[in-house]
Amino acid sequence: MSEDTRQDHISRKRVVYAAAGMDGVTVRRDETYRAADGAALAMDLYYPPDSIGGAARPAVVFVTGFTDAGAERMLGCRFKEMGSFVSWAQLTAASGLVAVTYENRHPAPDAQAVLHYVREHAARLGIDGRRIGVWSCSGHAPTALAALIQGGDQAVTCAVLYYPYTLDRPGEVGVADAASRMHFVNACAGASVDDLPDVPLFIARAGQDRMPGLTTALDRFVASALARNLPITVVNHAAGPHAFDLFDDGAVSREIVRQTLTFLQCRTHLRYIEP
């Protein structure tokens, strides 16, 4: 397989789960959320079918922790254009929520800027600004954790982390070393589980993950979160590889994706507030 073919395959890979209504979602493209380095940065918003002009919906922001510049060099497109992000956004919108993907130049401040923009412009965007969740995965996840920590319990109402890199404990460098090798932003370096706000977390663990340093840090993160009695849900795909939602087209992978969408839909997790 040539390098070009391999890269094209990865950039086009979609989630192994499908849901009714995915093809009917409405997409509002290229909504500018901030300027960085003299250029406008845009986000795409995916709405449930026939929802434009209706009641405000909860939203899920898909947080990225690698730069789009690096993604374009390696894979030929920005994250919001990749099959994985597009299909996850379509699934989320088909589940009745607004999905937000975006382009970045500086992952950590851009993630914060997207969350701020969505909250500030919620009414115009058809979003309930009181109910905003985040989804992230792999090396993107430290940026999502940093957004949780920096925003406290006002930033988001729930978070989903798939096979995530998380936090190094004092004296450990597994996540930091992985960030250095793979060029993701270790945005929560120096933080601990004690810094996390008390918001519901959904963790999808890949039992056959071979990414260096990931599982050791993740298992310690989960143990520390449980010791704090945080509202954490952990689903372990015992036979699942890293990125099982894209590369393991089996019943367990599909069920975990379904559980994830249910978690995001849950009124408790998105702090449902009666109008």
Protein backbone atom coordinates (compact mmCIF):
# COMPACT_ATOMS: atom_id res chain seq x y z
CA MET A 1 0.00 0.00 0.00
CA SER A 2 1.45 3.36 -1.01
CA GLU A 3 1.81 6.18 1.50
CA ASP A 4 -0.79 8.24 -0.38
CA THR A 5 -3.29 5.37 -0.35
CA ARG A 6 -2.74 4.69 3.35
CA GLN A 7 -3.20 8.34 4.24
CA ASP A 8 -6.33 8.62 2.12
CA HIS A 9 -7.76 5.55 3.87
CA ILE A 10 -7.17 6.99 7.34
CA SER A 11 -8.58 10.42 6.53
CA ARG A 12 -11.74 8.90 5.08
CA LYS A 13 -12.36 6.30 7.80
CA ARG A 14 -15.83 6.61 9.33
CA VAL A 15 -17.40 5.38 12.55
CA VAL A 16 -18.46 1.72 12.38
CA TYR A 17 -21.92 2.53 13.77
CA ALA A 18 -24.74 4.06 11.72
CA ALA A 19 -28.03 5.58 12.81
CA ALA A 20 -31.22 6.62 11.10
CA GLY A 21 -31.20 10.26 10.05
CA MET A 22 -27.44 10.63 9.61
CA ASP A 23 -27.79 11.51 5.96
CA GLY A 24 -30.51 14.06 6.68
CA VAL A 25 -28.65 16.31 9.11
CA THR A 26 -28.25 19.97 8.22
CA VAL A 27 -24.75 21.45 8.20
CA ARG A 28 -23.94 25.13 8.68
CA ARG A 29 -20.38 25.45 7.43
CA ASP A 30 -17.59 27.92 8.05
CA GLU A 31 -18.99 29.92 10.96
CA THR A 32 -16.03 32.11 11.99
CA TYR A 33 -15.33 31.81 15.70
CA ARG A 34 -12.07 33.74 15.99
CA ALA A 35 -9.03 35.08 14.16
CA ALA A 36 -5.54 33.71 14.79
CA ASP A 37 -2.28 34.70 13.11
CA GLY A 38 -4.17 37.00 10.80
CA ALA A 39 -6.54 34.30 9.54
CA ALA A 40 -10.16 33.53 10.33
CA LEU A 41 -10.85 30.19 12.02
CA ALA A 42 -14.17 28.52 11.29
CA MET A 43 -16.39 25.83 12.70
CA ASP A 44 -19.10 23.63 11.21
CA LEU A 45 -22.38 23.01 13.02
CA TYR A 46 -24.40 19.84 12.40
CA TYR A 47 -28.11 20.09 13.25
CA PRO A 48 -30.74 17.35 13.61
CA PRO A 49 -32.93 16.94 10.52
CA ASP A 50 -35.56 19.68 10.23
CA SER A 51 -34.36 21.43 13.41
CA ILE A 52 -33.38 24.82 12.01
CA GLY A 53 -35.62 27.45 13.57
CA GLY A 54 -36.91 25.10 16.25
CA ALA A 55 -36.16 24.88 19.97
CA ALA A 56 -32.59 25.35 21.15
CA ARG A 57 -30.66 22.07 21.36
CA PRO A 58 -27.81 20.86 23.54
CA ALA A 59 -24.46 20.87 21.72
CA VAL A 60 -21.35 18.69 21.64
CA VAL A 61 -17.98 20.21 20.68
CA PHE A 62 -15.45 17.79 19.14
CA VAL A 63 -12.19 18.95 20.67
CA THR A 64 -8.90 18.61 18.79
CA GLY A 65 -5.41 18.57 20.26
CA PHE A 66 -3.18 18.27 17.20
CA THR A 67 -2.79 21.23 14.86
CA ASP A 68 -4.64 21.27 11.56
CA ALA A 69 -1.36 22.21 9.90
CA GLY A 70 0.12 18.90 11.02
CA ALA A 71 -3.01 17.02 9.95
CA GLU A 72 -2.88 18.56 6.50
CA ARG A 73 0.80 17.62 6.12
CA MET A 74 0.20 14.02 7.21
CA LEU A 75 -3.30 13.29 5.94
CA GLY A 76 -4.15 16.00 3.45
CA CYS A 77 -7.07 17.62 5.27
CA ARG A 78 -8.12 19.38 8.46
CA PHE A 79 -9.70 17.43 11.28
CA LYS A 80 -13.19 18.76 10.67
CA GLU A 81 -13.01 17.34 7.14
CA MET A 82 -11.95 13.83 8.17
CA GLY A 83 -14.39 10.98 7.87
CA SER A 84 -14.13 10.19 11.57
CA PHE A 85 -15.12 13.68 12.72
CA VAL A 86 -17.79 14.09 10.04
CA SER A 87 -19.44 10.76 10.84
CA TRP A 88 -19.31 11.32 14.61
CA ALA A 89 -20.87 14.76 14.07
CA GLN A 90 -23.59 13.27 11.87
CA LEU A 91 -24.35 10.61 14.49
CA THR A 92 -24.56 13.24 17.20
CA ALA A 93 -26.90 15.43 15.17
CA ALA A 94 -29.06 12.43 14.25
CA SER A 95 -29.35 11.84 18.01
CA GLY A 96 -31.02 15.21 18.48
CA LEU A 97 -28.01 17.33 19.46
CA VAL A 98 -25.99 19.99 17.67
CA ALA A 99 -22.46 18.82 16.82
CA VAL A 100 -19.62 21.33 16.46
CA THR A 101 -16.36 20.65 14.63
CA TYR A 102 -13.76 23.31 13.96
CA GLU A 103 -10.41 24.19 12.47
CA ASN A 104 -7.48 25.17 14.68
CA ARG A 105 -4.04 26.71 14.69
CA HIS A 106 -3.32 26.64 18.41
CA PRO A 107 -5.28 23.72 19.88
CA ALA A 108 -5.66 24.73 23.54
CA PRO A 109 -6.70 28.39 23.14
CA ASP A 110 -8.77 27.54 20.07
CA ALA A 111 -10.76 24.93 22.00
CA GLN A 112 -11.50 27.50 24.68
CA ALA A 113 -12.44 30.03 22.00
CA VAL A 114 -14.92 27.63 20.38
CA LEU A 115 -16.59 26.90 23.73
CA HIS A 116 -16.77 30.61 24.51
CA TYR A 117 -18.17 31.44 21.08
CA VAL A 118 -20.83 28.74 21.26
CA ARG A 119 -21.95 29.97 24.68
CA GLU A 120 -21.93 33.64 23.69
CA HIS A 121 -23.81 33.09 20.41
CA ALA A 122 -25.97 30.18 21.56
CA ALA A 123 -29.33 31.83 20.84
CA ARG A 124 -28.41 32.74 17.27
CA LEU A 125 -26.92 29.29 16.66
CA GLY A 126 -29.97 27.46 17.97
CA ILE A 127 -28.02 26.01 20.90
CA ASP A 128 -28.92 25.80 24.58
CA GLY A 129 -25.85 27.46 26.08
CA ARG A 130 -26.53 25.78 29.43
CA ARG A 131 -26.03 22.33 27.93
CA ILE A 132 -22.72 21.94 26.11
CA GLY A 133 -20.72 18.71 26.14
CA VAL A 134 -17.34 17.81 24.65
CA TRP A 135 -16.07 14.72 22.85
CA SER A 136 -12.39 13.95 22.32
CA CYS A 137 -10.07 11.00 21.77
CA SER A 138 -6.48 9.78 21.84
CA GLY A 139 -3.93 12.62 21.76
CA HIS A 140 -6.71 15.16 21.40
CA ALA A 141 -7.97 14.37 24.89
CA PRO A 142 -5.46 16.41 26.98
CA THR A 143 -6.81 19.54 25.30
CA ALA A 144 -10.36 18.53 26.27
CA LEU A 145 -9.27 17.87 29.85
CA ALA A 146 -7.57 21.26 29.96
CA ALA A 147 -10.82 22.88 28.78
CA LEU A 148 -12.65 21.16 31.63
CA ILE A 149 -10.09 22.22 34.20
CA GLN A 150 -9.73 25.81 33.03
CA GLY A 151 -13.44 26.35 32.62
CA GLY A 152 -14.50 24.67 35.85
CA ASP A 153 -18.06 23.45 36.08
CA GLN A 154 -19.26 26.37 33.94
CA ALA A 155 -17.44 25.30 30.79
CA VAL A 156 -19.19 22.04 29.87
CA THR A 157 -21.85 19.79 31.29
CA CYS A 158 -20.34 16.43 30.33
CA ALA A 159 -17.35 14.97 28.50
CA VAL A 160 -16.68 11.86 26.43
CA LEU A 161 -13.09 10.61 26.10
CA TYR A 162 -12.28 7.72 23.76
CA TYR A 163 -9.03 5.77 24.33
CA PRO A 164 -7.60 9.02 25.69
CA TYR A 165 -4.21 10.19 26.74
CA THR A 166 -4.85 11.75 30.11
CA LEU A 167 -2.54 12.98 32.90
CA ASP A 168 0.94 12.20 34.16
CA ARG A 169 1.21 11.82 37.92
CA PRO A 170 4.13 13.58 39.65
CA GLY A 171 7.37 11.93 38.61
CA GLU A 172 5.83 10.23 35.56
CA VAL A 173 6.38 11.24 31.95
CA GLY A 174 4.43 8.73 29.84
CA VAL A 175 1.94 11.24 28.46
CA ALA A 176 4.57 13.95 28.07
CA ASP A 177 6.84 11.59 26.12
CA ALA A 178 3.97 10.53 23.87
CA ALA A 179 3.05 14.17 23.23
CA SER A 180 6.65 14.91 22.26
CA ARG A 181 6.84 11.95 19.87
CA MET A 182 3.40 12.33 18.30
CA HIS A 183 3.15 16.13 18.39
CA PHE A 184 -0.11 16.52 20.23
CA VAL A 185 -0.53 19.33 22.73
CA ASN A 186 -0.15 18.21 26.34
CA ALA A 187 -2.41 21.03 27.44
CA CYS A 188 -3.04 19.71 30.95
CA ALA A 189 0.60 19.06 31.86
CA GLY A 190 1.06 19.52 35.61
CA ALA A 191 -2.63 19.09 36.38
CA SER A 192 -4.16 16.28 38.41
CA VAL A 193 -7.52 14.58 38.76
CA ASP A 194 -8.08 16.81 41.80
CA ASP A 195 -8.27 19.76 39.41
CA LEU A 196 -11.20 18.33 37.45
CA PRO A 197 -14.66 19.80 37.97
CA ASP A 198 -17.48 17.57 39.09
CA VAL A 199 -19.01 16.87 35.66
CA PRO A 200 -20.03 13.48 34.23
CA LEU A 201 -17.29 11.71 32.26
CA PHE A 202 -17.66 8.82 29.83
CA ILE A 203 -14.41 6.93 29.24
CA ALA A 204 -14.13 4.37 26.44
CA ARG A 205 -11.07 2.17 27.07
CA ALA A 206 -9.47 0.00 24.38
CA GLY A 207 -8.25 -3.18 26.06
CA GLN A 208 -5.74 -3.93 23.30
CA ASP A 209 -4.41 -0.38 23.01
CA ARG A 210 -0.73 -0.34 22.09
CA MET A 211 -0.14 3.40 22.11
CA PRO A 212 2.92 4.05 24.29
CA GLY A 213 2.12 5.24 27.79
CA LEU A 214 -1.61 5.56 27.20
CA THR A 215 -3.15 2.66 29.12
CA THR A 216 -0.93 3.05 32.19
CA ALA A 217 -1.86 6.73 32.54
CA LEU A 218 -5.52 6.08 31.74
CA ASP A 219 -5.91 3.32 34.33
CA ARG A 220 -4.37 5.52 37.01
CA PHE A 221 -6.60 8.40 35.92
CA VAL A 222 -9.71 6.22 36.27
CA ALA A 223 -8.61 4.92 39.67
CA SER A 224 -8.00 8.48 40.90
CA ALA A 225 -11.36 9.65 39.55
CA LEU A 226 -13.13 6.82 41.35
CA ALA A 227 -11.22 7.58 44.54
CA ARG A 228 -12.60 11.12 44.29
CA ASN A 229 -16.04 9.66 43.60
CA LEU A 230 -16.39 11.65 40.39
CA PRO A 231 -19.40 10.84 38.20
CA ILE A 232 -17.43 8.66 35.78
CA THR A 233 -18.66 5.93 33.44
CA VAL A 234 -15.99 3.55 32.12
CA VAL A 235 -16.65 1.11 29.28
CA ASN A 236 -13.86 -1.32 28.47
CA HIS A 237 -13.67 -2.89 25.02
CA ALA A 238 -11.50 -5.79 26.13
CA ALA A 239 -10.61 -6.90 22.60
CA GLY A 240 -10.65 -3.41 21.12
CA PRO A 241 -7.60 -1.75 19.54
CA HIS A 242 -6.85 1.95 19.61
CA ALA A 243 -9.49 3.75 17.50
CA PHE A 244 -11.81 0.74 17.70
CA ASP A 245 -14.74 2.97 16.71
CA LEU A 246 -13.11 3.28 13.29
CA PHE A 247 -11.17 0.05 12.81
CA ASP A 248 -13.08 -2.67 14.70
CA ASP A 249 -16.40 -3.19 12.93
CA GLY A 250 -17.91 -5.52 15.51
CA ALA A 251 -20.90 -5.70 17.80
CA VAL A 252 -19.00 -4.47 20.87
CA SER A 253 -17.64 -1.39 19.10
CA ARG A 254 -21.06 -0.52 17.78
CA GLU A 255 -22.65 -0.99 21.19
CA ILE A 256 -20.12 1.33 22.84
CA VAL A 257 -20.82 4.03 20.25
CA ARG A 258 -24.54 3.58 20.90
CA GLN A 259 -23.95 3.88 24.67
CA THR A 260 -21.93 7.03 24.04
CA LEU A 261 -24.76 8.68 22.14
CA THR A 262 -27.18 7.70 24.91
CA PHE A 263 -24.84 9.26 27.47
CA LEU A 264 -24.71 12.50 25.49
CA GLN A 265 -28.48 12.53 25.07
CA CYS A 266 -29.14 11.89 28.75
CA ARG A 267 -30.83 14.88 30.33
CA THR A 268 -28.98 14.37 33.60
CA HIS A 269 -25.58 14.47 31.92
CA LEU A 270 -26.49 17.53 29.91
CA ARG A 271 -28.11 19.10 32.99
CA TYR A 272 -31.53 19.42 31.53
CA ILE A 273 -33.25 22.61 32.67
CA GLU A 274 -36.99 23.00 32.25
CA PRO A 275 -37.82 26.01 30.04
